[in-house]
C-alpha atoms as a PDB file:
ATOM      1  CA  MET A   1      22.904  11.472  18.980  1.00  0.00           C
ATOM      2  CA  ILE A   2      21.744   9.931  22.205  1.00  0.00           C
ATOM      3  CA  THR A   3      23.326  11.738  25.024  1.00  0.00           C
ATOM      4  CA  GLY A   4      23.976  10.310  28.462  1.00  0.00           C
ATOM      5  CA  ALA A   5      21.305  12.487  29.974  1.00  0.00           C
ATOM      6  CA  ILE A   6      18.593  11.147  27.451  1.00  0.00           C
ATOM      7  CA  LYS A   7      19.836   7.752  27.942  1.00  0.00           C
ATOM      8  CA  ASN A   8      19.381   7.994  31.678  1.00  0.00           C
ATOM      9  CA  LYS A   9      15.661   9.482  31.125  1.00  0.00           C
ATOM     10  CA  VAL A  10      15.059   6.537  28.865  1.00  0.00           C
ATOM     11  CA  ASP A  11      16.139   4.153  31.244  1.00  0.00           C
ATOM     12  CA  LYS A  12      14.295   5.480  33.940  1.00  0.00           C
ATOM     13  CA  ILE A  13      10.939   5.468  32.000  1.00  0.00           C
ATOM     14  CA  TRP A  14      11.911   1.817  31.146  1.00  0.00           C
ATOM     15  CA  THR A  15      12.530   0.812  34.691  1.00  0.00           C
ATOM     16  CA  ASP A  16       9.264   2.283  35.856  1.00  0.00           C
ATOM     17  CA  ILE A  17       7.399   0.209  33.228  1.00  0.00           C
ATOM     18  CA  TRP A  18       9.303  -3.040  34.323  1.00  0.00           C
ATOM     19  CA  ALA A  19       8.599  -2.206  38.082  1.00  0.00           C
ATOM     20  CA  GLY A  20       4.981  -1.911  37.105  1.00  0.00           C
ATOM     21  CA  GLY A  21       4.956  -5.565  35.987  1.00  0.00           C
ATOM     22  CA  ILE A  22       5.677  -5.203  32.217  1.00  0.00           C
ATOM     23  CA  THR A  23       8.731  -7.302  31.729  1.00  0.00           C
ATOM     24  CA  ASN A  24       8.763  -8.346  27.867  1.00  0.00           C
ATOM     25  CA  PRO A  25      11.078  -5.658  26.353  1.00  0.00           C
ATOM     26  CA  LEU A  26       8.973  -5.955  23.146  1.00  0.00           C
ATOM     27  CA  THR A  27       6.022  -4.953  25.118  1.00  0.00           C
ATOM     28  CA  VAL A  28       7.734  -2.239  26.793  1.00  0.00           C
ATOM     29  CA  ILE A  29       8.742  -0.741  23.339  1.00  0.00           C
ATOM     30  CA  GLU A  30       5.098  -1.317  21.887  1.00  0.00           C
ATOM     31  CA  GLN A  31       3.482   0.637  24.901  1.00  0.00           C
ATOM     32  CA  LEU A  32       6.078   3.499  24.648  1.00  0.00           C
ATOM     33  CA  THR A  33       5.281   3.618  20.893  1.00  0.00           C
ATOM     34  CA  TYR A  34       1.550   4.023  21.521  1.00  0.00           C
ATOM     35  CA  LEU A  35       2.092   6.963  24.027  1.00  0.00           C
ATOM     36  CA  MET A  36       4.724   8.749  21.727  1.00  0.00           C
ATOM     37  CA  PHE A  37       2.284   8.513  18.806  1.00  0.00           C
ATOM     38  CA  ILE A  38      -0.595   9.617  21.054  1.00  0.00           C
ATOM     39  CA  ARG A  39       1.322  12.866  22.047  1.00  0.00           C
ATOM     40  CA  SER A  40       2.571  13.516  18.526  1.00  0.00           C
ATOM     41  CA  LEU A  41      -1.236  13.766  17.580  1.00  0.00           C
ATOM     42  CA  ASP A  42      -1.742  16.422  19.988  1.00  0.00           C
ATOM     43  CA  GLU A  43       1.424  18.296  18.790  1.00  0.00           C
ATOM     44  CA  LYS A  44       0.047  18.201  15.221  1.00  0.00           C
ATOM     45  CA  GLU A  45      -3.056  19.600  16.455  1.00  0.00           C
ATOM     46  CA  LEU A  46      -1.502  22.329  18.182  1.00  0.00           C
ATOM     47  CA  GLU A  47       0.413  23.279  14.888  1.00  0.00           C
ATOM     48  CA  THR A  48      -2.857  23.251  13.087  1.00  0.00           C
ATOM     49  CA  GLU A  49      -4.438  25.596  15.549  1.00  0.00           C
ATOM     50  CA  GLU A  50      -1.580  27.959  15.116  1.00  0.00           C
ATOM     51  CA  LEU A  51      -1.900  27.906  11.537  1.00  0.00           C
ATOM     52  CA  GLU A  52      -5.627  28.663  11.731  1.00  0.00           C
ATOM     53  CA  ASN A  53      -4.890  31.674  13.988  1.00  0.00           C
ATOM     54  CA  LEU A  54      -2.309  32.950  11.523  1.00  0.00           C
ATOM     55  CA  MET A  55      -4.067  32.349   8.414  1.00  0.00           C
ATOM     56  CA  GLY A  56      -7.659  32.977   9.542  1.00  0.00           C
ATOM     57  CA  GLU A  57      -9.034  29.874   7.727  1.00  0.00           C
ATOM     58  CA  LYS A  58     -10.757  26.669   9.169  1.00  0.00           C
ATOM     59  CA  MET A  59      -8.681  23.607   8.801  1.00  0.00           C
ATOM     60  CA  GLU A  60      -9.229  19.743   9.331  1.00  0.00           C
ATOM     61  CA  HIS A  61      -8.542  18.805  12.769  1.00  0.00           C
ATOM     62  CA  ILE A  62      -7.539  15.350  14.293  1.00  0.00           C
ATOM     63  CA  PHE A  63      -9.502  15.574  17.612  1.00  0.00           C
ATOM     64  CA  PRO A  64     -13.331  16.119  17.675  1.00  0.00           C
ATOM     65  CA  ALA A  65     -14.437  19.579  19.135  1.00  0.00           C
ATOM     66  CA  SER A  66     -16.685  17.955  21.821  1.00  0.00           C
ATOM     67  CA  SER A  67     -15.547  17.880  25.448  1.00  0.00           C
ATOM     68  CA  ALA A  68     -15.026  13.986  25.135  1.00  0.00           C
ATOM     69  CA  GLY A  69     -12.729  14.733  21.998  1.00  0.00           C
ATOM     70  CA  GLN A  70     -10.689  17.467  23.570  1.00  0.00           C
ATOM     71  CA  SER A  71     -10.190  15.429  26.694  1.00  0.00           C
ATOM     72  CA  MET A  72      -8.255  12.927  24.605  1.00  0.00           C
ATOM     73  CA  ARG A  73      -5.460  15.462  23.831  1.00  0.00           C
ATOM     74  CA  TRP A  74      -2.207  14.708  25.621  1.00  0.00           C
ATOM     75  CA  SER A  75      -1.819  18.547  26.623  1.00  0.00           C
ATOM     76  CA  LYS A  76      -5.486  18.329  28.341  1.00  0.00           C
ATOM     77  CA  PHE A  77      -4.741  15.275  30.569  1.00  0.00           C
ATOM     78  CA  LYS A  78      -1.072  14.932  31.214  1.00  0.00           C
ATOM     79  CA  ASN A  79      -1.269  16.955  34.537  1.00  0.00           C
ATOM     80  CA  ASN A  80      -4.604  15.393  35.738  1.00  0.00           C
ATOM     81  CA  ASP A  81      -4.972  13.050  38.656  1.00  0.00           C
ATOM     82  CA  PRO A  82      -3.500   9.462  37.692  1.00  0.00           C
ATOM     83  CA  ARG A  83      -6.911   7.908  37.895  1.00  0.00           C
ATOM     84  CA  ASP A  84      -8.457  10.254  35.546  1.00  0.00           C
ATOM     85  CA  ILE A  85      -5.520   9.958  32.991  1.00  0.00           C
ATOM     86  CA  TYR A  86      -5.908   6.154  33.179  1.00  0.00           C
ATOM     87  CA  ASP A  87      -9.534   6.312  32.561  1.00  0.00           C
ATOM     88  CA  VAL A  88      -9.395   8.644  29.632  1.00  0.00           C
ATOM     89  CA  MET A  89      -6.408   6.706  28.038  1.00  0.00           C
ATOM     90  CA  SER A  90      -8.105   3.417  28.586  1.00  0.00           C
ATOM     91  CA  GLN A  91     -11.613   4.252  27.852  1.00  0.00           C
ATOM     92  CA  ARG A  92     -11.221   6.944  25.260  1.00  0.00           C
ATOM     93  CA  VAL A  93      -7.872   7.502  23.773  1.00  0.00           C
ATOM     94  CA  PHE A  94      -6.921   4.090  23.022  1.00  0.00           C
ATOM     95  CA  PRO A  95     -10.198   2.911  21.401  1.00  0.00           C
ATOM     96  CA  ALA A  96     -10.120   5.943  19.369  1.00  0.00           C
ATOM     97  CA  ILE A  97      -6.688   5.630  17.891  1.00  0.00           C
ATOM     98  CA  LYS A  98      -7.732   1.889  16.963  1.00  0.00           C
ATOM     99  CA  ASN A  99     -10.575   3.357  14.974  1.00  0.00           C
ATOM    100  CA  MET A 100      -8.777   6.514  13.661  1.00  0.00           C
ATOM    101  CA  LYS A 101      -9.870   7.283   9.718  1.00  0.00           C
ATOM    102  CA  GLN A 102      -8.920   9.917   7.304  1.00  0.00           C
ATOM    103  CA  GLY A 103      -6.472  11.471   9.817  1.00  0.00           C
ATOM    104  CA  ARG A 104      -9.236  11.935  12.348  1.00  0.00           C
ATOM    105  CA  LEU A 105     -10.079  10.519  15.717  1.00  0.00           C
ATOM    106  CA  PRO A 106     -13.691   9.391  16.358  1.00  0.00           C
ATOM    107  CA  ASP A 107     -16.034  11.154  18.895  1.00  0.00           C
ATOM    108  CA  PHE A 108     -17.897   9.731  21.776  1.00  0.00           C
ATOM    109  CA  ASP A 109     -21.756  10.103  22.586  1.00  0.00           C
ATOM    110  CA  GLU A 110     -23.356  11.223  25.813  1.00  0.00           C
ATOM    111  CA  ARG A 111     -23.101   7.354  27.080  1.00  0.00           C
ATOM    112  CA  GLY A 112     -19.432   7.221  26.358  1.00  0.00           C
ATOM    113  CA  GLU A 113     -20.016   4.988  23.401  1.00  0.00           C
ATOM    114  CA  LEU A 114     -17.585   5.423  20.232  1.00  0.00           C
ATOM    115  CA  VAL A 115     -19.038   7.040  17.316  1.00  0.00           C
ATOM    116  CA  GLU A 116     -17.413   5.463  14.292  1.00  0.00           C
ATOM    117  CA  ILE A 117     -16.151   7.643  11.317  1.00  0.00           C
ATOM    118  CA  PRO A 118     -17.990   6.731   8.135  1.00  0.00           C
ATOM    119  CA  ASP A 119     -15.780   5.750   5.116  1.00  0.00           C
ATOM    120  CA  GLU A 120     -15.771   8.582   2.522  1.00  0.00           C
ATOM    121  CA  ASP A 121     -16.727   6.286  -0.258  1.00  0.00           C
ATOM    122  CA  GLY A 122     -19.132   3.926   1.788  1.00  0.00           C
ATOM    123  CA  THR A 123     -17.133   0.874   0.685  1.00  0.00           C
ATOM    124  CA  GLY A 124     -15.299   0.173   3.801  1.00  0.00           C
ATOM    125  CA  ALA A 125     -12.097   0.484   1.881  1.00  0.00           C
ATOM    126  CA  GLN A 126     -10.775   3.186   4.409  1.00  0.00           C
ATOM    127  CA  SER A 127     -11.053   0.540   7.275  1.00  0.00           C
ATOM    128  CA  ASN A 128      -8.376  -1.535   5.344  1.00  0.00           C
ATOM    129  CA  THR A 129      -5.620   0.716   5.469  1.00  0.00           C
ATOM    130  CA  ALA A 130      -2.267  -0.310   6.964  1.00  0.00           C
ATOM    131  CA  PHE A 131      -2.650   1.778  10.139  1.00  0.00           C
ATOM    132  CA  ALA A 132      -6.233  -0.010  10.774  1.00  0.00           C
ATOM    133  CA  ARG A 133      -4.438  -3.367   9.889  1.00  0.00           C
ATOM    134  CA  TYR A 134      -1.524  -2.738  12.266  1.00  0.00           C
ATOM    135  CA  MET A 135      -3.769  -1.229  15.238  1.00  0.00           C
ATOM    136  CA  GLU A 136      -6.676  -3.898  15.100  1.00  0.00           C
ATOM    137  CA  ASP A 137      -4.851  -6.368  17.748  1.00  0.00           C
ATOM    138  CA  ALA A 138      -3.256  -3.625  19.795  1.00  0.00           C
ATOM    139  CA  MET A 139      -3.752  -3.658  23.443  1.00  0.00           C
ATOM    140  CA  PHE A 140      -3.461  -1.150  26.169  1.00  0.00           C
ATOM    141  CA  LEU A 141      -1.296  -2.944  28.815  1.00  0.00           C
ATOM    142  CA  ILE A 142      -0.107  -0.217  31.159  1.00  0.00           C
ATOM    143  CA  PRO A 143      -1.177  -1.908  34.564  1.00  0.00           C
ATOM    144  CA  THR A 144      -2.055   0.952  36.869  1.00  0.00           C
ATOM    145  CA  PRO A 145      -2.703   4.681  37.008  1.00  0.00           C
ATOM    146  CA  GLN A 146       0.512   5.257  38.950  1.00  0.00           C
ATOM    147  CA  VAL A 147       2.665   3.475  36.361  1.00  0.00           C
ATOM    148  CA  LEU A 148       1.045   5.396  33.515  1.00  0.00           C
ATOM    149  CA  GLN A 149       1.570   8.679  35.110  1.00  0.00           C
ATOM    150  CA  LYS A 150       5.253   7.966  35.697  1.00  0.00           C
ATOM    151  CA  ILE A 151       5.551   7.162  32.150  1.00  0.00           C
ATOM    152  CA  ILE A 152       3.721  10.270  30.864  1.00  0.00           C
ATOM    153  CA  THR A 153       5.715  12.432  33.280  1.00  0.00           C
ATOM    154  CA  GLY A 154       9.028  10.922  32.032  1.00  0.00           C
ATOM    155  CA  LEU A 155       8.132  11.297  28.386  1.00  0.00           C
ATOM    156  CA  GLU A 156       6.870  14.986  28.889  1.00  0.00           C
ATOM    157  CA  ASP A 157      10.223  15.737  30.688  1.00  0.00           C
ATOM    158  CA  LEU A 158      12.182  14.019  27.721  1.00  0.00           C
ATOM    159  CA  TYR A 159      10.467  15.824  25.077  1.00  0.00           C
ATOM    160  CA  GLU A 160      10.307  19.220  26.529  1.00  0.00           C
ATOM    161  CA  HIS A 161      13.814  19.583  27.986  1.00  0.00           C
ATOM    162  CA  ASP A 162      16.068  17.140  25.718  1.00  0.00           C
ATOM    163  CA  ILE A 163      14.724  16.559  22.489  1.00  0.00           C
ATOM    164  CA  ALA A 164      12.323  19.439  21.663  1.00  0.00           C
ATOM    165  CA  ASP A 165      12.461  20.431  17.881  1.00  0.00           C
ATOM    166  CA  LEU A 166      14.916  17.747  17.283  1.00  0.00           C
ATOM    167  CA  ASP A 167      14.433  14.780  14.958  1.00  0.00           C
ATOM    168  CA  MET A 168      15.452  11.946  17.321  1.00  0.00           C
ATOM    169  CA  GLN A 169      12.530   9.615  17.042  1.00  0.00           C
ATOM    170  CA  GLY A 170      14.876   7.058  15.131  1.00  0.00           C
ATOM    171  CA  ASP A 171      17.786   7.389  17.677  1.00  0.00           C
ATOM    172  CA  LEU A 172      15.353   6.680  20.552  1.00  0.00           C
ATOM    173  CA  TYR A 173      14.074   3.527  18.771  1.00  0.00           C
ATOM    174  CA  GLU A 174      17.504   2.551  18.060  1.00  0.00           C
ATOM    175  CA  TYR A 175      18.583   2.928  21.756  1.00  0.00           C
ATOM    176  CA  MET A 176      15.474   1.044  22.998  1.00  0.00           C
ATOM    177  CA  LEU A 177      15.952  -1.694  20.359  1.00  0.00           C
ATOM    178  CA  GLY A 178      19.688  -1.828  21.339  1.00  0.00           C
ATOM    179  CA  LYS A 179      18.194  -3.217  24.772  1.00  0.00           C
ATOM    180  CA  LEU A 180      17.050  -6.296  23.085  1.00  0.00           C
ATOM    181  CA  ALA A 181      19.329  -9.178  22.459  1.00  0.00           C
ATOM    182  CA  THR A 182      17.819  -9.895  19.197  1.00  0.00           C
ATOM    183  CA  ALA A 183      17.337  -6.085  18.198  1.00  0.00           C
ATOM    184  CA  GLY A 184      17.964  -6.667  14.587  1.00  0.00           C
ATOM    185  CA  GLN A 185      15.255  -9.382  14.344  1.00  0.00           C
ATOM    186  CA  ASN A 186      12.524  -7.423  16.220  1.00  0.00           C
ATOM    187  CA  GLY A 187      12.383  -4.165  14.735  1.00  0.00           C
ATOM    188  CA  GLN A 188      13.904  -1.970  12.045  1.00  0.00           C
ATOM    189  CA  PHE A 189      15.474   1.470  12.362  1.00  0.00           C
ATOM    190  CA  ARG A 190      13.914   4.726  11.122  1.00  0.00           C
ATOM    191  CA  THR A 191      15.589   6.394   8.264  1.00  0.00           C
ATOM    192  CA  PRO A 192      16.864   9.888   9.314  1.00  0.00           C
ATOM    193  CA  LYS A 193      15.125  12.920   8.268  1.00  0.00           C
ATOM    194  CA  HIS A 194      17.684  14.217   5.870  1.00  0.00           C
ATOM    195  CA  ILE A 195      18.107  10.826   4.102  1.00  0.00           C
ATOM    196  CA  ARG A 196      14.265  10.522   3.757  1.00  0.00           C
ATOM    197  CA  GLU A 197      14.245  13.834   2.251  1.00  0.00           C
ATOM    198  CA  MET A 198      16.917  13.257  -0.127  1.00  0.00           C
ATOM    199  CA  MET A 199      15.107   9.952  -1.291  1.00  0.00           C
ATOM    200  CA  VAL A 200      12.044  11.786  -1.964  1.00  0.00           C
ATOM    201  CA  GLU A 201      13.754  14.415  -3.820  1.00  0.00           C
ATOM    202  CA  LEU A 202      15.410  11.889  -6.085  1.00  0.00           C
ATOM    203  CA  MET A 203      12.515   9.570  -6.589  1.00  0.00           C
ATOM    204  CA  GLN A 204       9.785  12.180  -6.648  1.00  0.00           C
ATOM    205  CA  PRO A 205       6.922   9.583  -5.853  1.00  0.00           C
ATOM    206  CA  THR A 206       3.437  10.181  -6.777  1.00  0.00           C
ATOM    207  CA  PRO A 207       0.098   8.675  -5.255  1.00  0.00           C
ATOM    208  CA  ASP A 208       0.070   6.256  -8.108  1.00  0.00           C
ATOM    209  CA  ASP A 209       3.430   4.616  -7.439  1.00  0.00           C
ATOM    210  CA  THR A 210       4.121   1.433  -5.548  1.00  0.00           C
ATOM    211  CA  ILE A 211       7.121   1.810  -3.128  1.00  0.00           C
ATOM    212  CA  CYS A 212       9.346  -1.439  -2.328  1.00  0.00           C
ATOM    213  CA  GLU A 213      11.412  -1.017   0.645  1.00  0.00           C
ATOM    214  CA  ILE A 214      14.312  -3.088   0.828  1.00  0.00           C
ATOM    215  CA  ILE A 215      16.022  -3.559   4.160  1.00  0.00           C
ATOM    216  CA  ILE A 216      19.679  -4.964   4.250  1.00  0.00           C
ATOM    217  CA  PRO A 217      20.994  -6.101   7.737  1.00  0.00           C
ATOM    218  CA  SER A 218      24.723  -4.820   7.132  1.00  0.00           C
ATOM    219  CA  LEU A 219      26.002  -3.046   4.187  1.00  0.00           C
ATOM    220  CA  ILE A 220      29.337  -2.496   6.225  1.00  0.00           C
ATOM    221  CA  GLN A 221      29.870  -6.156   6.625  1.00  0.00           C
ATOM    222  CA  GLY A 222      28.992  -6.675   3.160  1.00  0.00           C
ATOM    223  CA  MET A 223      26.427  -9.306   3.830  1.00  0.00           C
ATOM    224  CA  GLY A 224      24.231  -8.424   0.878  1.00  0.00           C
ATOM    225  CA  LYS A 225      21.313 -10.509   2.178  1.00  0.00           C
ATOM    226  CA  ILE A 226      17.720  -8.911   1.866  1.00  0.00           C
ATOM    227  CA  LYS A 227      16.129  -9.212   5.456  1.00  0.00           C
ATOM    228  CA  LYS A 228      12.739  -7.849   4.438  1.00  0.00           C
ATOM    229  CA  CYS A 229      10.826  -6.546   1.366  1.00  0.00           C
ATOM    230  CA  ALA A 230       7.794  -4.740   2.360  1.00  0.00           C
ATOM    231  CA  LEU A 231       5.331  -3.590  -0.390  1.00  0.00           C
ATOM    232  CA  ALA A 232       3.222  -0.544   0.460  1.00  0.00           C
ATOM    233  CA  VAL A 233       0.676   1.510  -1.782  1.00  0.00           C
END
């Protein structure tokens, strides 16, 4: 449940973005989604490092071990000078997530050029994943270092003090989409964690299965019209 305090913090972040010149609400949500995803990558990396320390075994990492690779981590750049944060985000982090493959981010060479991750089978099939297709046209649109710093500071405060260890991503998206006059047409709500787990338990899907997701606009009102059927392998 989104409380008043959380709503106020989300509204503050939203206002900072609007004041920075991004007035299209869909663009605001899009840019916030990128930043939330970037932060989640570092959270996953921290979990991997903790497991490594506990188990004493080397594990697969998301971020390259180089200085350039480590500089892309949220925990490494979040407290830096705004201009440094902006440079890292625009020149490294964003290009890297657009070229993410096999759960890993690409590295950068001494000249700052991105080093692409080769496909495992050499056929280029890895580049045709859903993630790659969705990200190929993505753009980093935060206008200034100052605006970016305000957003990062606001998100960090929100995650650290209000929604730490809580499954509230779906609630956050619902609240943000609620700001749109056409929220039901511009996005879809994330299924809560306990419902997702129940569905997996019931269906027990395997990598060989094809999953069809059917989104119905309003069960309560009994509309019964299918809005969208998305096929994913």
